[in-house]
Every structure is written in structure tokens, then in C-alpha cells.
């Protein structure tokens, strides 16, 4: 295994050297600037693809939907099907551009049945010229259901119930918010989008643990097998379903996951070994082992903004 690891590292270094050489070569071509730029981009994509096949087993990219109108209004959203805000659409567009510029491509995409995640995925794929790939919509990829809190302003809820209580409802691992009634407009059993789902599976409220229990069977039974079959996956989902997934991938504890914040619209890239365990990236922001694409200081600021939604 040590010999294989050394060989893999050597091949990676060789790929980097080829990339550097190709960059120098492309700069020396002056007869056609446009042709040189296209050649340089193609060379980088080729080397990146080669490096991926040599030094990692699989790649999966996660992206939380762009800012929604209720994110902007600082309201508990959950399963309420609100659209992206203008800022959210711009975030999704930028996320797609980052993936395209980095040379990523995908075979299949997964998302929820909520429009903010669906529109984010469509926008990303449009930027990548990949709108033809199969898209799988899974209700189990929906956001955590916030029960009777759905529709309420987060800060007003803090002012009414106190920060500590709201943090328990919002961030504890296994304590759900108050449940809503079956007569509520926000009960999914009253929504035709879930007519084919057994009512026993539809939540009245959820903790992160219940969200994890709801979503992870789709990871184990659909997504993980697709990855092992060699498919390159893009998953556009929600803050809490993605937190459930990275908890599993990164082995994050129940205590630590409650403090993890995932920014909107930023691609999160995981390189996985043959056991679907993350290969740590040097630019990863702990406790994650995958890397966010984009300006790292800006990303850290956006993570902090998510954390401050209930001051």
C-alpha cells in the first residue's frame, strides 16, 4: 500500500509538472490569443481529469441552494416551497461558473422537490452546459421540517422565546421544534406534491437526527451505488440534509455537527477513496475534509453570516 501511495503521489506531481509546462507553452504562443486561451483551458481540464483518475477514486460535489426569499427575510423555511431571491439566483450562477471554470463535469444530478434547490441545480447545470444530464428529484432530500416554527421570523422568535430555547429548536441534534397540526397549511400531507408518499413518512416536525434518518437511506441505496458505478454526482440540496451527509462522510460527532454552517450557493467538492471516505484536501475548512470552491475568506464570512441568523 505504501508503494502504491508513493506511486500515486509521483503521478500527481508529474501531472502538475505537465500542467505547468502546458501553461508556459500556451503563454508563448502569440499568433492567436483566442486559440491560445482555448488550448490552455482544454489542457488544464485534461490534466485535472488525468490527475483525478490517478490520485482519487471518486468525486462528488454538494451545493446548498442559493439564498431563498425566506432566507432573506430570516424566516424558518423548512418544507415551505419558496423561490430563490435575486441574490440566490446570482449565487447559483456563480457556483455554476466556478464548477465550469474548474473543469468539472457530471453524469447525474440529485435534488429535492423544493423549487429553491431545483432552480439552483438548473442554474448550475446551465452554466456548465450540462442541462441534458439526468436529474433525480427525491423528497427525502428536502430540508429539515421545522414544524410549527415554519414561516416565523427567526429573530422575532428569539425575542419571544429566548435565544437558548430557539437554539435548542434550531441547532440541537435530536430535539425537534414544536410540531404543527394536520390542519396546518404547512403540513406536507395537504400538499399534492407528496400525494404519492405514505402519510406515515411525512413529518410534522423534525430534528437534525430525524432528517438524517429520513435522508440517509437514499444516500446508501441510490447515490452511493451510483458513485461506485463510476458516475460523477452533483447534489443540490439544503442546509440540513447536507449537514446530515457531511456528518456521515466526515465522521463528525453529534455535538460538533450542531455548530456546522454550510453557506448558500458554494460548491463543496469531496474526493472519495474506494470506501467512499473523504481524501482530506489541504484547503478544507474543519471539520470538513472536502473543499469549497471560490475565495476562501469570502466563504468563511458567508459561513459566519449563516451562524448569526439568530443573534
C-alpha atoms as a PDB file:
ATOM      1  CA  UNK A   1       0.000   0.000   0.000  1.00  0.00           C
ATOM      2  CA  UNK A   2       2.909   2.358   0.767  1.00  0.00           C
ATOM      3  CA  UNK A   3       4.381   1.714  -2.675  1.00  0.00           C
ATOM      4  CA  UNK A   4       1.005   2.426  -4.299  1.00  0.00           C
ATOM      5  CA  UNK A   5       0.695   5.659  -2.312  1.00  0.00           C
ATOM      6  CA  UNK A   6       4.164   6.803  -3.367  1.00  0.00           C
ATOM      7  CA  UNK A   7       3.396   5.923  -6.983  1.00  0.00           C
ATOM      8  CA  UNK A   8       0.120   7.862  -6.831  1.00  0.00           C
ATOM      9  CA  UNK A   9       1.892  10.901  -5.359  1.00  0.00           C
ATOM     10  CA  UNK A  10       4.586  10.697  -8.028  1.00  0.00           C
ATOM     11  CA  UNK A  11       1.970  10.560 -10.776  1.00  0.00           C
ATOM     12  CA  UNK A  12       0.190  13.558  -9.255  1.00  0.00           C
ATOM     13  CA  UNK A  13       3.429  15.541  -9.202  1.00  0.00           C
ATOM     14  CA  UNK A  14       4.077  14.529 -12.799  1.00  0.00           C
ATOM     15  CA  UNK A  15       0.588  15.735 -13.742  1.00  0.00           C
ATOM     16  CA  UNK A  16       1.274  19.062 -12.024  1.00  0.00           C
ATOM     17  CA  UNK A  17       4.540  19.372 -13.931  1.00  0.00           C
ATOM     18  CA  UNK A  18       2.754  18.698 -17.217  1.00  0.00           C
ATOM     19  CA  UNK A  19       0.164  21.326 -16.291  1.00  0.00           C
ATOM     20  CA  UNK A  20       2.869  23.878 -15.517  1.00  0.00           C
ATOM     21  CA  UNK A  21       4.685  23.095 -18.775  1.00  0.00           C
ATOM     22  CA  UNK A  22       1.468  23.415 -20.786  1.00  0.00           C
ATOM     23  CA  UNK A  23       0.756  26.777 -19.139  1.00  0.00           C
ATOM     24  CA  UNK A  24       4.193  28.087 -20.084  1.00  0.00           C
ATOM     25  CA  UNK A  25       3.768  26.771 -23.619  1.00  0.00           C
ATOM     26  CA  UNK A  26       0.394  28.386 -24.038  1.00  0.00           C
ATOM     27  CA  UNK A  27       1.758  31.740 -22.905  1.00  0.00           C
ATOM     28  CA  UNK A  28       4.490  31.548 -25.549  1.00  0.00           C
ATOM     29  CA  UNK A  29       2.005  31.217 -28.403  1.00  0.00           C
ATOM     30  CA  UNK A  30       1.311  34.707 -29.688  1.00  0.00           C
ATOM     31  CA  UNK A  31      -0.149  34.052 -33.141  1.00  0.00           C
ATOM     32  CA  UNK A  32      -3.694  33.661 -31.870  1.00  0.00           C
ATOM     33  CA  UNK A  33      -4.663  34.837 -28.391  1.00  0.00           C
ATOM     34  CA  UNK A  34      -8.134  33.343 -28.595  1.00  0.00           C
ATOM     35  CA  UNK A  35      -6.841  29.954 -29.742  1.00  0.00           C
ATOM     36  CA  UNK A  36      -4.187  30.022 -27.025  1.00  0.00           C
ATOM     37  CA  UNK A  37      -6.773  30.694 -24.335  1.00  0.00           C
ATOM     38  CA  UNK A  38      -8.943  27.813 -25.519  1.00  0.00           C
ATOM     39  CA  UNK A  39      -5.927  25.483 -25.716  1.00  0.00           C
ATOM     40  CA  UNK A  40      -4.813  26.459 -22.243  1.00  0.00           C
ATOM     41  CA  UNK A  41      -8.271  25.826 -20.753  1.00  0.00           C
ATOM     42  CA  UNK A  42      -8.557  22.465 -22.524  1.00  0.00           C
ATOM     43  CA  UNK A  43      -5.090  21.469 -21.320  1.00  0.00           C
ATOM     44  CA  UNK A  44      -5.960  22.288 -17.743  1.00  0.00           C
ATOM     45  CA  UNK A  45      -9.210  20.309 -17.922  1.00  0.00           C
ATOM     46  CA  UNK A  46      -7.346  17.340 -19.426  1.00  0.00           C
ATOM     47  CA  UNK A  47      -4.652  17.368 -16.758  1.00  0.00           C
ATOM     48  CA  UNK A  48      -7.216  17.760 -13.989  1.00  0.00           C
ATOM     49  CA  UNK A  49      -9.149  14.798 -15.330  1.00  0.00           C
ATOM     50  CA  UNK A  50      -5.977  12.744 -15.527  1.00  0.00           C
ATOM     51  CA  UNK A  51      -4.951  13.706 -12.035  1.00  0.00           C
ATOM     52  CA  UNK A  52      -8.396  12.744 -10.746  1.00  0.00           C
ATOM     53  CA  UNK A  53      -8.208   9.293 -12.292  1.00  0.00           C
ATOM     54  CA  UNK A  54      -4.704   8.724 -10.942  1.00  0.00           C
ATOM     55  CA  UNK A  55      -4.968  10.075  -7.407  1.00  0.00           C
ATOM     56  CA  UNK A  56      -8.537   9.583  -6.297  1.00  0.00           C
ATOM     57  CA  UNK A  57     -11.276   7.062  -6.709  1.00  0.00           C
ATOM     58  CA  UNK A  58     -14.415   9.168  -6.886  1.00  0.00           C
ATOM     59  CA  UNK A  59     -15.620  12.787  -6.802  1.00  0.00           C
ATOM     60  CA  UNK A  60     -18.961  14.113  -5.568  1.00  0.00           C
ATOM     61  CA  UNK A  61     -19.947  17.778  -5.387  1.00  0.00           C
ATOM     62  CA  UNK A  62     -22.514  19.195  -2.972  1.00  0.00           C
ATOM     63  CA  UNK A  63     -24.144  22.603  -3.215  1.00  0.00           C
ATOM     64  CA  UNK A  64     -26.661  24.209  -0.910  1.00  0.00           C
ATOM     65  CA  UNK A  65     -29.349  26.131  -2.776  1.00  0.00           C
ATOM     66  CA  UNK A  66     -28.848  29.868  -3.229  1.00  0.00           C
ATOM     67  CA  UNK A  67     -30.447  32.315  -0.839  1.00  0.00           C
ATOM     68  CA  UNK A  68     -34.238  31.998  -0.832  1.00  0.00           C
ATOM     69  CA  UNK A  69     -36.735  34.789  -0.291  1.00  0.00           C
ATOM     70  CA  UNK A  70     -37.339  33.485   3.228  1.00  0.00           C
ATOM     71  CA  UNK A  71     -33.602  33.226   3.912  1.00  0.00           C
ATOM     72  CA  UNK A  72     -33.503  36.921   3.021  1.00  0.00           C
ATOM     73  CA  UNK A  73     -36.411  37.628   5.388  1.00  0.00           C
ATOM     74  CA  UNK A  74     -34.743  35.483   8.106  1.00  0.00           C
ATOM     75  CA  UNK A  75     -37.740  33.149   8.403  1.00  0.00           C
ATOM     76  CA  UNK A  76     -37.840  29.456   9.251  1.00  0.00           C
ATOM     77  CA  UNK A  77     -38.477  27.792   5.901  1.00  0.00           C
ATOM     78  CA  UNK A  78     -38.296  24.016   6.147  1.00  0.00           C
ATOM     79  CA  UNK A  79     -40.592  22.393   3.598  1.00  0.00           C
ATOM     80  CA  UNK A  80     -42.331  25.619   2.551  1.00  0.00           C
ATOM     81  CA  UNK A  81     -41.716  25.884  -1.183  1.00  0.00           C
ATOM     82  CA  UNK A  82     -40.355  29.414  -1.555  1.00  0.00           C
ATOM     83  CA  UNK A  83     -38.298  30.627  -4.552  1.00  0.00           C
ATOM     84  CA  UNK A  84     -34.751  31.907  -4.781  1.00  0.00           C
ATOM     85  CA  UNK A  85     -34.135  35.578  -4.157  1.00  0.00           C
ATOM     86  CA  UNK A  86     -32.273  37.616  -6.777  1.00  0.00           C
ATOM     87  CA  UNK A  87     -29.150  37.189  -4.684  1.00  0.00           C
ATOM     88  CA  UNK A  88     -29.770  33.450  -4.501  1.00  0.00           C
ATOM     89  CA  UNK A  89     -30.028  33.192  -8.264  1.00  0.00           C
ATOM     90  CA  UNK A  90     -26.749  35.092  -8.593  1.00  0.00           C
ATOM     91  CA  UNK A  91     -25.145  32.723  -6.061  1.00  0.00           C
ATOM     92  CA  UNK A  92     -26.284  29.699  -8.058  1.00  0.00           C
ATOM     93  CA  UNK A  93     -24.968  31.269 -11.263  1.00  0.00           C
ATOM     94  CA  UNK A  94     -21.589  31.934  -9.660  1.00  0.00           C
ATOM     95  CA  UNK A  95     -21.457  28.387  -8.291  1.00  0.00           C
ATOM     96  CA  UNK A  96     -22.032  27.003 -11.778  1.00  0.00           C
ATOM     97  CA  UNK A  97     -19.346  29.238 -13.247  1.00  0.00           C
ATOM     98  CA  UNK A  98     -16.845  28.099 -10.604  1.00  0.00           C
ATOM     99  CA  UNK A  99     -17.522  24.456 -11.421  1.00  0.00           C
ATOM    100  CA  UNK A 100     -17.258  25.084 -15.172  1.00  0.00           C
ATOM    101  CA  UNK A 101     -14.005  27.023 -14.844  1.00  0.00           C
ATOM    102  CA  UNK A 102     -12.540  24.278 -12.658  1.00  0.00           C
ATOM    103  CA  UNK A 103     -13.282  21.695 -15.355  1.00  0.00           C
ATOM    104  CA  UNK A 104     -15.898  19.639 -13.510  1.00  0.00           C
ATOM    105  CA  UNK A 105     -18.465  17.542 -15.324  1.00  0.00           C
ATOM    106  CA  UNK A 106     -21.259  15.286 -14.065  1.00  0.00           C
ATOM    107  CA  UNK A 107     -23.209  12.226 -15.195  1.00  0.00           C
ATOM    108  CA  UNK A 108     -26.285  12.609 -12.990  1.00  0.00           C
ATOM    109  CA  UNK A 109     -27.665  15.190 -10.561  1.00  0.00           C
ATOM    110  CA  UNK A 110     -29.803  14.794  -7.459  1.00  0.00           C
ATOM    111  CA  UNK A 111     -32.009  17.382  -5.804  1.00  0.00           C
ATOM    112  CA  UNK A 112     -35.120  17.701  -3.653  1.00  0.00           C
ATOM    113  CA  UNK A 113     -38.686  18.516  -4.710  1.00  0.00           C
ATOM    114  CA  UNK A 114     -38.422  22.103  -3.429  1.00  0.00           C
ATOM    115  CA  UNK A 115     -38.082  24.820  -6.058  1.00  0.00           C
ATOM    116  CA  UNK A 116     -35.167  26.675  -4.454  1.00  0.00           C
ATOM    117  CA  UNK A 117     -32.956  23.597  -4.756  1.00  0.00           C
ATOM    118  CA  UNK A 118     -34.336  22.648  -8.177  1.00  0.00           C
ATOM    119  CA  UNK A 119     -33.756  26.169  -9.582  1.00  0.00           C
ATOM    120  CA  UNK A 120     -30.247  26.203  -8.110  1.00  0.00           C
ATOM    121  CA  UNK A 121     -29.476  22.920  -9.838  1.00  0.00           C
ATOM    122  CA  UNK A 122     -30.922  24.066 -13.171  1.00  0.00           C
ATOM    123  CA  UNK A 123     -28.890  27.267 -12.980  1.00  0.00           C
ATOM    124  CA  UNK A 124     -25.651  25.457 -12.159  1.00  0.00           C
ATOM    125  CA  UNK A 125     -26.156  22.959 -14.991  1.00  0.00           C
ATOM    126  CA  UNK A 126     -26.979  25.758 -17.425  1.00  0.00           C
ATOM    127  CA  UNK A 127     -23.693  27.476 -16.617  1.00  0.00           C
ATOM    128  CA  UNK A 128     -21.909  24.176 -17.240  1.00  0.00           C
ATOM    129  CA  UNK A 129     -23.753  23.295 -20.479  1.00  0.00           C
ATOM    130  CA  UNK A 130     -24.979  20.128 -18.757  1.00  0.00           C
ATOM    131  CA  UNK A 131     -28.731  20.607 -18.788  1.00  0.00           C
ATOM    132  CA  UNK A 132     -29.102  17.324 -20.682  1.00  0.00           C
ATOM    133  CA  UNK A 133     -27.895  15.066 -17.852  1.00  0.00           C
ATOM    134  CA  UNK A 134     -30.475  13.064 -15.837  1.00  0.00           C
ATOM    135  CA  UNK A 135     -31.927  14.805 -12.774  1.00  0.00           C
ATOM    136  CA  UNK A 136     -33.374  12.756  -9.918  1.00  0.00           C
ATOM    137  CA  UNK A 137     -35.799  14.535  -7.562  1.00  0.00           C
ATOM    138  CA  UNK A 138     -36.052  12.946  -4.123  1.00  0.00           C
ATOM    139  CA  UNK A 139     -38.443  14.180  -1.451  1.00  0.00           C
ATOM    140  CA  UNK A 140     -36.119  12.705   1.149  1.00  0.00           C
ATOM    141  CA  UNK A 141     -33.556  15.347   0.110  1.00  0.00           C
ATOM    142  CA  UNK A 142     -35.941  18.077   1.330  1.00  0.00           C
ATOM    143  CA  UNK A 143     -34.852  20.473   4.039  1.00  0.00           C
ATOM    144  CA  UNK A 144     -35.472  19.630   7.662  1.00  0.00           C
ATOM    145  CA  UNK A 145     -39.115  20.221   8.600  1.00  0.00           C
ATOM    146  CA  UNK A 146     -39.275  22.996  11.204  1.00  0.00           C
ATOM    147  CA  UNK A 147     -42.780  22.151  12.403  1.00  0.00           C
ATOM    148  CA  UNK A 148     -44.736  24.996  13.964  1.00  0.00           C
ATOM    149  CA  UNK A 149     -41.771  27.344  13.503  1.00  0.00           C
ATOM    150  CA  UNK A 150     -42.169  27.381   9.720  1.00  0.00           C
ATOM    151  CA  UNK A 151     -42.971  30.870   8.482  1.00  0.00           C
ATOM    152  CA  UNK A 152     -41.856  32.604  11.693  1.00  0.00           C
ATOM    153  CA  UNK A 153     -39.109  35.222  11.724  1.00  0.00           C
ATOM    154  CA  UNK A 154     -36.049  33.779  13.461  1.00  0.00           C
ATOM    155  CA  UNK A 155     -35.113  36.936  15.364  1.00  0.00           C
ATOM    156  CA  UNK A 156     -38.706  37.603  16.469  1.00  0.00           C
ATOM    157  CA  UNK A 157     -38.876  34.004  17.681  1.00  0.00           C
ATOM    158  CA  UNK A 158     -35.697  34.605  19.700  1.00  0.00           C
ATOM    159  CA  UNK A 159     -37.175  37.769  21.176  1.00  0.00           C
ATOM    160  CA  UNK A 160     -40.315  35.868  22.186  1.00  0.00           C
ATOM    161  CA  UNK A 161     -38.897  32.565  23.448  1.00  0.00           C
ATOM    162  CA  UNK A 162     -35.283  33.444  24.243  1.00  0.00           C
ATOM    163  CA  UNK A 163     -32.079  32.657  22.396  1.00  0.00           C
ATOM    164  CA  UNK A 164     -31.346  29.467  24.343  1.00  0.00           C
ATOM    165  CA  UNK A 165     -34.721  27.898  23.567  1.00  0.00           C
ATOM    166  CA  UNK A 166     -34.560  28.797  19.884  1.00  0.00           C
ATOM    167  CA  UNK A 167     -31.032  27.416  19.627  1.00  0.00           C
ATOM    168  CA  UNK A 168     -32.298  24.147  21.101  1.00  0.00           C
ATOM    169  CA  UNK A 169     -35.059  24.005  18.484  1.00  0.00           C
ATOM    170  CA  UNK A 170     -32.829  25.144  15.648  1.00  0.00           C
ATOM    171  CA  UNK A 171     -29.491  23.522  16.386  1.00  0.00           C
ATOM    172  CA  UNK A 172     -29.811  20.601  18.796  1.00  0.00           C
ATOM    173  CA  UNK A 173     -29.165  17.244  17.184  1.00  0.00           C
ATOM    174  CA  UNK A 174     -32.154  15.281  18.448  1.00  0.00           C
ATOM    175  CA  UNK A 175     -34.713  17.765  19.844  1.00  0.00           C
ATOM    176  CA  UNK A 176     -37.308  18.850  17.238  1.00  0.00           C
ATOM    177  CA  UNK A 177     -39.269  22.132  17.328  1.00  0.00           C
ATOM    178  CA  UNK A 178     -42.953  22.079  18.313  1.00  0.00           C
ATOM    179  CA  UNK A 179     -44.998  20.010  15.850  1.00  0.00           C
ATOM    180  CA  UNK A 180     -47.620  21.554  13.601  1.00  0.00           C
ATOM    181  CA  UNK A 181     -51.181  20.257  13.300  1.00  0.00           C
ATOM    182  CA  UNK A 182     -52.526  18.194  10.424  1.00  0.00           C
ATOM    183  CA  UNK A 183     -54.815  21.124   9.587  1.00  0.00           C
ATOM    184  CA  UNK A 184     -51.850  23.442   9.052  1.00  0.00           C
ATOM    185  CA  UNK A 185     -51.200  24.805   5.577  1.00  0.00           C
ATOM    186  CA  UNK A 186     -47.593  23.707   6.095  1.00  0.00           C
ATOM    187  CA  UNK A 187     -48.365  20.025   6.770  1.00  0.00           C
ATOM    188  CA  UNK A 188     -46.970  18.187   3.716  1.00  0.00           C
ATOM    189  CA  UNK A 189     -49.868  15.738   3.742  1.00  0.00           C
ATOM    190  CA  UNK A 190     -52.017  18.617   2.450  1.00  0.00           C
ATOM    191  CA  UNK A 191     -49.659  19.286  -0.460  1.00  0.00           C
ATOM    192  CA  UNK A 192     -50.302  17.435  -3.757  1.00  0.00           C
ATOM    193  CA  UNK A 193     -46.544  17.249  -4.299  1.00  0.00           C
ATOM    194  CA  UNK A 194     -46.489  14.467  -1.681  1.00  0.00           C
ATOM    195  CA  UNK A 195     -49.644  12.619  -2.739  1.00  0.00           C
ATOM    196  CA  UNK A 196     -47.627   9.515  -3.607  1.00  0.00           C
ATOM    197  CA  UNK A 197     -45.755   9.470  -0.273  1.00  0.00           C
ATOM    198  CA  UNK A 198     -47.094   7.339   2.569  1.00  0.00           C
ATOM    199  CA  UNK A 199     -48.519   9.729   5.145  1.00  0.00           C
ATOM    200  CA  UNK A 200     -46.725   7.800   7.873  1.00  0.00           C
ATOM    201  CA  UNK A 201     -43.459   9.021   6.338  1.00  0.00           C
ATOM    202  CA  UNK A 202     -44.432  12.698   6.242  1.00  0.00           C
ATOM    203  CA  UNK A 203     -43.170  14.778   9.175  1.00  0.00           C
ATOM    204  CA  UNK A 204     -44.997  17.166  11.475  1.00  0.00           C
ATOM    205  CA  UNK A 205     -41.603  18.378  12.724  1.00  0.00           C
ATOM    206  CA  UNK A 206     -38.003  17.147  12.592  1.00  0.00           C
ATOM    207  CA  UNK A 207     -34.712  17.339  14.431  1.00  0.00           C
ATOM    208  CA  UNK A 208     -31.425  17.003  12.553  1.00  0.00           C
ATOM    209  CA  UNK A 209     -31.333  13.361  13.674  1.00  0.00           C
ATOM    210  CA  UNK A 210     -34.773  12.695  12.169  1.00  0.00           C
ATOM    211  CA  UNK A 211     -33.681  14.476   8.986  1.00  0.00           C
ATOM    212  CA  UNK A 212     -30.603  12.273   8.842  1.00  0.00           C
ATOM    213  CA  UNK A 213     -32.692   9.140   9.394  1.00  0.00           C
ATOM    214  CA  UNK A 214     -35.062  10.231   6.619  1.00  0.00           C
ATOM    215  CA  UNK A 215     -32.381  11.106   4.050  1.00  0.00           C
ATOM    216  CA  UNK A 216     -29.548   8.607   4.547  1.00  0.00           C
ATOM    217  CA  UNK A 217     -31.379   5.600   3.030  1.00  0.00           C
ATOM    218  CA  UNK A 218     -31.379   7.465  -0.303  1.00  0.00           C
ATOM    219  CA  UNK A 219     -27.634   8.018   0.024  1.00  0.00           C
ATOM    220  CA  UNK A 220     -26.977   4.366   0.814  1.00  0.00           C
ATOM    221  CA  UNK A 221     -29.420   2.885  -1.710  1.00  0.00           C
ATOM    222  CA  UNK A 222     -29.216   5.298  -4.648  1.00  0.00           C
ATOM    223  CA  UNK A 223     -26.352   7.781  -4.555  1.00  0.00           C
ATOM    224  CA  UNK A 224     -23.514   5.689  -3.103  1.00  0.00           C
ATOM    225  CA  UNK A 225     -24.115   2.806  -5.558  1.00  0.00           C
ATOM    226  CA  UNK A 226     -24.131   5.297  -8.451  1.00  0.00           C
ATOM    227  CA  UNK A 227     -20.784   6.682  -7.286  1.00  0.00           C
ATOM    228  CA  UNK A 228     -19.316   3.189  -7.015  1.00  0.00           C
ATOM    229  CA  UNK A 229     -20.513   2.540 -10.568  1.00  0.00           C
ATOM    230  CA  UNK A 230     -18.282   5.400 -11.686  1.00  0.00           C
ATOM    231  CA  UNK A 231     -20.941   8.082 -12.001  1.00  0.00           C
ATOM    232  CA  UNK A 232     -19.926  11.669 -11.217  1.00  0.00           C
ATOM    233  CA  UNK A 233     -22.632  13.143  -8.969  1.00  0.00           C
ATOM    234  CA  UNK A 234     -23.816  16.679  -8.276  1.00  0.00           C
ATOM    235  CA  UNK A 235     -26.166  17.036  -5.293  1.00  0.00           C
ATOM    236  CA  UNK A 236     -28.093  20.303  -4.916  1.00  0.00           C
ATOM    237  CA  UNK A 237     -29.944  20.273  -1.632  1.00  0.00           C
ATOM    238  CA  UNK A 238     -30.489  22.087   1.662  1.00  0.00           C
ATOM    239  CA  UNK A 239     -28.512  23.093   4.708  1.00  0.00           C
ATOM    240  CA  UNK A 240     -29.691  20.299   6.991  1.00  0.00           C
ATOM    241  CA  UNK A 241     -29.747  17.400   4.533  1.00  0.00           C
ATOM    242  CA  UNK A 242     -26.225  18.386   3.502  1.00  0.00           C
ATOM    243  CA  UNK A 243     -25.197  18.622   7.158  1.00  0.00           C
ATOM    244  CA  UNK A 244     -26.540  15.097   7.619  1.00  0.00           C
ATOM    245  CA  UNK A 245     -24.490  13.908   4.656  1.00  0.00           C
ATOM    246  CA  UNK A 246     -21.195  15.537   5.668  1.00  0.00           C
ATOM    247  CA  UNK A 247     -21.713  14.241   9.214  1.00  0.00           C
ATOM    248  CA  UNK A 248     -21.659  10.774   7.665  1.00  0.00           C
ATOM    249  CA  UNK A 249     -18.815  11.418   5.212  1.00  0.00           C
ATOM    250  CA  UNK A 250     -16.505  13.264   7.612  1.00  0.00           C
ATOM    251  CA  UNK A 251     -17.371  11.279  10.730  1.00  0.00           C
ATOM    252  CA  UNK A 252     -18.463  14.433  12.575  1.00  0.00           C
ATOM    253  CA  UNK A 253     -19.812  13.911  16.080  1.00  0.00           C
ATOM    254  CA  UNK A 254     -23.385  14.712  17.099  1.00  0.00           C
ATOM    255  CA  UNK A 255     -22.119  17.561  19.292  1.00  0.00           C
ATOM    256  CA  UNK A 256     -19.912  19.113  16.602  1.00  0.00           C
ATOM    257  CA  UNK A 257     -22.417  18.892  13.761  1.00  0.00           C
ATOM    258  CA  UNK A 258     -24.824  21.211  15.593  1.00  0.00           C
ATOM    259  CA  UNK A 259     -22.341  24.079  15.133  1.00  0.00           C
ATOM    260  CA  UNK A 260     -21.571  23.441  11.454  1.00  0.00           C
ATOM    261  CA  UNK A 261     -22.887  26.001   8.964  1.00  0.00           C
ATOM    262  CA  UNK A 262     -22.969  25.488   5.188  1.00  0.00           C
ATOM    263  CA  UNK A 263     -23.087  28.646   3.038  1.00  0.00           C
ATOM    264  CA  UNK A 264     -25.585  29.069   0.206  1.00  0.00           C
ATOM    265  CA  UNK A 265     -24.542  28.575  -3.410  1.00  0.00           C
ATOM    266  CA  UNK A 266     -20.946  27.485  -2.820  1.00  0.00           C
ATOM    267  CA  UNK A 267     -19.797  24.177  -4.390  1.00  0.00           C
ATOM    268  CA  UNK A 268     -18.323  21.753  -1.845  1.00  0.00           C
ATOM    269  CA  UNK A 269     -16.051  19.194  -3.504  1.00  0.00           C
ATOM    270  CA  UNK A 270     -15.309  15.788  -1.990  1.00  0.00           C
ATOM    271  CA  UNK A 271     -12.704  13.416  -3.337  1.00  0.00           C
ATOM    272  CA  UNK A 272     -13.527   9.936  -2.036  1.00  0.00           C
ATOM    273  CA  UNK A 273     -11.473   6.762  -1.783  1.00  0.00           C
ATOM    274  CA  UNK A 274     -12.727   3.314  -2.781  1.00  0.00           C
ATOM    275  CA  UNK A 275     -14.605   3.046   0.544  1.00  0.00           C
ATOM    276  CA  UNK A 276     -16.290   6.430  -0.105  1.00  0.00           C
ATOM    277  CA  UNK A 277     -14.253   8.015   2.672  1.00  0.00           C
ATOM    278  CA  UNK A 278     -13.061  11.606   2.084  1.00  0.00           C
ATOM    279  CA  UNK A 279      -9.492  12.212   0.968  1.00  0.00           C
ATOM    280  CA  UNK A 280      -8.582  15.325   3.036  1.00  0.00           C
ATOM    281  CA  UNK A 281      -7.901  18.442   0.987  1.00  0.00           C
ATOM    282  CA  UNK A 282      -5.330  20.992   2.246  1.00  0.00           C
ATOM    283  CA  UNK A 283      -7.818  23.856   1.714  1.00  0.00           C
ATOM    284  CA  UNK A 284     -10.621  22.176   3.664  1.00  0.00           C
ATOM    285  CA  UNK A 285     -12.310  24.201   6.406  1.00  0.00           C
ATOM    286  CA  UNK A 286     -12.500  21.988   9.507  1.00  0.00           C
ATOM    287  CA  UNK A 287     -14.292  19.829  10.452  1.00  0.00           C
ATOM    288  CA  UNK A 288     -14.938  19.173   6.758  1.00  0.00           C
ATOM    289  CA  UNK A 289     -12.386  17.326   4.631  1.00  0.00           C
ATOM    290  CA  UNK A 290     -13.832  18.485   1.317  1.00  0.00           C
ATOM    291  CA  UNK A 291     -13.032  21.908  -0.128  1.00  0.00           C
ATOM    292  CA  UNK A 292     -15.221  24.835  -1.041  1.00  0.00           C
ATOM    293  CA  UNK A 293     -14.601  26.376  -4.464  1.00  0.00           C
ATOM    294  CA  UNK A 294     -14.023  30.131  -4.513  1.00  0.00           C
ATOM    295  CA  UNK A 295     -12.401  32.807  -2.392  1.00  0.00           C
ATOM    296  CA  UNK A 296     -11.805  31.208   0.994  1.00  0.00           C
ATOM    297  CA  UNK A 297     -12.055  34.384   3.080  1.00  0.00           C
ATOM    298  CA  UNK A 298     -15.354  35.292   1.431  1.00  0.00           C
ATOM    299  CA  UNK A 299     -16.641  31.765   2.076  1.00  0.00           C
ATOM    300  CA  UNK A 300     -15.702  31.975   5.769  1.00  0.00           C
ATOM    301  CA  UNK A 301     -17.593  35.267   6.014  1.00  0.00           C
ATOM    302  CA  UNK A 302     -20.674  33.651   4.454  1.00  0.00           C
ATOM    303  CA  UNK A 303     -20.448  30.766   6.918  1.00  0.00           C
ATOM    304  CA  UNK A 304     -20.403  33.315   9.740  1.00  0.00           C
ATOM    305  CA  UNK A 305     -23.468  35.043   8.289  1.00  0.00           C
ATOM    306  CA  UNK A 306     -25.441  31.796   8.500  1.00  0.00           C
ATOM    307  CA  UNK A 307     -24.418  31.396  12.143  1.00  0.00           C
ATOM    308  CA  UNK A 308     -25.614  34.919  13.046  1.00  0.00           C
ATOM    309  CA  UNK A 309     -29.185  34.487  11.797  1.00  0.00           C
ATOM    310  CA  UNK A 310     -30.337  34.197  15.411  1.00  0.00           C
ATOM    311  CA  UNK A 311     -28.313  36.800  17.305  1.00  0.00           C
END
